[in-house]
Amino acid sequence: MVWFKKRAPEKRYDPKKQVPVLKRSICTGETTAGFADLDTGKFHEIMLIETRRDLDAFMEQYGIDELPKTIY
């Protein structure tokens, strides 16, 4: 019997409605990556960024070449 690994759905975001953002906590310095909705400004957290490797994985996963200099 052959077992197949379930493929993770391809993750996308709509650049017309969302902008990629890094959010850093003032208290702890914890950095999270996610997307801010351009209409509402609501931040949708995707993943915790602990190392440069985490940031690179986030950018590769969503096809982001560079993060805009956005203060959030």
C-alpha atoms as a PDB file:
ATOM      1  CA  MET A   1       0.000   0.000   0.000  1.00  0.00           C
ATOM      2  CA  VAL A   2       1.326   3.421  -0.952  1.00  0.00           C
ATOM      3  CA  TRP A   3       0.786   6.416   1.296  1.00  0.00           C
ATOM      4  CA  PHE A   4       0.720   9.838  -0.236  1.00  0.00           C
ATOM      5  CA  LYS A   5       1.649  12.994   1.549  1.00  0.00           C
ATOM      6  CA  LYS A   6      -1.124  15.557   1.471  1.00  0.00           C
ATOM      7  CA  ARG A   7      -0.121  18.631  -0.496  1.00  0.00           C
ATOM      8  CA  ALA A   8      -0.486  21.905   1.293  1.00  0.00           C
ATOM      9  CA  PRO A   9      -2.718  24.315  -0.597  1.00  0.00           C
ATOM     10  CA  GLU A  10      -0.819  27.027  -2.414  1.00  0.00           C
ATOM     11  CA  LYS A  11      -1.032  30.215  -0.414  1.00  0.00           C
ATOM     12  CA  ARG A  12      -1.620  33.516  -2.149  1.00  0.00           C
ATOM     13  CA  TYR A  13      -2.525  37.034  -1.314  1.00  0.00           C
ATOM     14  CA  ASP A  14      -4.166  39.753  -3.387  1.00  0.00           C
ATOM     15  CA  PRO A  15      -1.689  42.620  -3.872  1.00  0.00           C
ATOM     16  CA  LYS A  16      -4.585  44.889  -4.902  1.00  0.00           C
ATOM     17  CA  LYS A  17      -6.256  44.418  -1.499  1.00  0.00           C
ATOM     18  CA  GLN A  18      -3.386  43.500   0.839  1.00  0.00           C
ATOM     19  CA  VAL A  19       0.159  44.623   1.529  1.00  0.00           C
ATOM     20  CA  PRO A  20       2.834  42.426   3.171  1.00  0.00           C
ATOM     21  CA  VAL A  21       3.889  43.796   6.554  1.00  0.00           C
ATOM     22  CA  LEU A  22       6.340  42.979   9.331  1.00  0.00           C
ATOM     23  CA  LYS A  23       4.949  43.898  12.727  1.00  0.00           C
ATOM     24  CA  ARG A  24       7.236  44.204  15.757  1.00  0.00           C
ATOM     25  CA  SER A  25       6.093  44.289  19.379  1.00  0.00           C
ATOM     26  CA  ILE A  26       7.326  47.296  21.333  1.00  0.00           C
ATOM     27  CA  CYS A  27       7.486  45.308  24.586  1.00  0.00           C
ATOM     28  CA  THR A  28       9.077  42.024  23.565  1.00  0.00           C
ATOM     29  CA  GLY A  29      10.593  42.785  20.177  1.00  0.00           C
ATOM     30  CA  GLU A  30       8.720  39.811  18.712  1.00  0.00           C
ATOM     31  CA  THR A  31       8.349  40.100  14.941  1.00  0.00           C
ATOM     32  CA  THR A  32       5.410  38.685  12.995  1.00  0.00           C
ATOM     33  CA  ALA A  33       4.845  38.638   9.258  1.00  0.00           C
ATOM     34  CA  GLY A  34       1.458  39.026   7.722  1.00  0.00           C
ATOM     35  CA  PHE A  35      -0.730  41.128   5.510  1.00  0.00           C
ATOM     36  CA  ALA A  36      -2.551  44.388   6.140  1.00  0.00           C
ATOM     37  CA  ASP A  37      -5.877  44.927   4.402  1.00  0.00           C
ATOM     38  CA  LEU A  38      -5.706  48.175   2.439  1.00  0.00           C
ATOM     39  CA  ASP A  39      -9.407  48.939   2.964  1.00  0.00           C
ATOM     40  CA  THR A  40      -9.726  48.300   6.691  1.00  0.00           C
ATOM     41  CA  GLY A  41      -6.099  48.365   7.858  1.00  0.00           C
ATOM     42  CA  LYS A  42      -6.665  45.097   9.726  1.00  0.00           C
ATOM     43  CA  PHE A  43      -3.501  43.010  10.178  1.00  0.00           C
ATOM     44  CA  HIS A  44      -3.721  39.292   9.390  1.00  0.00           C
ATOM     45  CA  GLU A  45      -0.871  37.496  11.173  1.00  0.00           C
ATOM     46  CA  ILE A  46       0.681  34.646   9.194  1.00  0.00           C
ATOM     47  CA  MET A  47       3.846  33.564  10.984  1.00  0.00           C
ATOM     48  CA  LEU A  48       6.361  34.378  13.681  1.00  0.00           C
ATOM     49  CA  ILE A  49       9.721  35.591  12.384  1.00  0.00           C
ATOM     50  CA  GLU A  50      12.617  34.510  14.594  1.00  0.00           C
ATOM     51  CA  THR A  51      15.470  34.335  12.066  1.00  0.00           C
ATOM     52  CA  ARG A  52      16.342  35.570   8.598  1.00  0.00           C
ATOM     53  CA  ARG A  53      15.540  32.056   7.378  1.00  0.00           C
ATOM     54  CA  ASP A  54      11.930  32.452   8.608  1.00  0.00           C
ATOM     55  CA  LEU A  55      11.630  35.750   6.749  1.00  0.00           C
ATOM     56  CA  ASP A  56      13.056  34.226   3.572  1.00  0.00           C
ATOM     57  CA  ALA A  57      10.603  31.295   3.837  1.00  0.00           C
ATOM     58  CA  PHE A  58       7.656  33.704   4.243  1.00  0.00           C
ATOM     59  CA  MET A  59       8.737  35.744   1.240  1.00  0.00           C
ATOM     60  CA  GLU A  60       9.291  32.645  -0.915  1.00  0.00           C
ATOM     61  CA  GLN A  61       5.984  31.060   0.135  1.00  0.00           C
ATOM     62  CA  TYR A  62       3.995  34.109  -0.965  1.00  0.00           C
ATOM     63  CA  GLY A  63       6.168  35.153  -3.933  1.00  0.00           C
ATOM     64  CA  ILE A  64       7.280  38.436  -2.377  1.00  0.00           C
ATOM     65  CA  ASP A  65      10.464  39.907  -3.843  1.00  0.00           C
ATOM     66  CA  GLU A  66      10.863  42.668  -1.289  1.00  0.00           C
ATOM     67  CA  LEU A  67       8.910  44.017   1.640  1.00  0.00           C
ATOM     68  CA  PRO A  68       7.802  47.632   1.330  1.00  0.00           C
ATOM     69  CA  LYS A  69       9.047  50.004   4.008  1.00  0.00           C
ATOM     70  CA  THR A  70       5.722  50.125   5.818  1.00  0.00           C
ATOM     71  CA  ILE A  71       5.373  51.173   9.426  1.00  0.00           C
ATOM     72  CA  TYR A  72       2.496  49.320  11.026  1.00  0.00           C
END
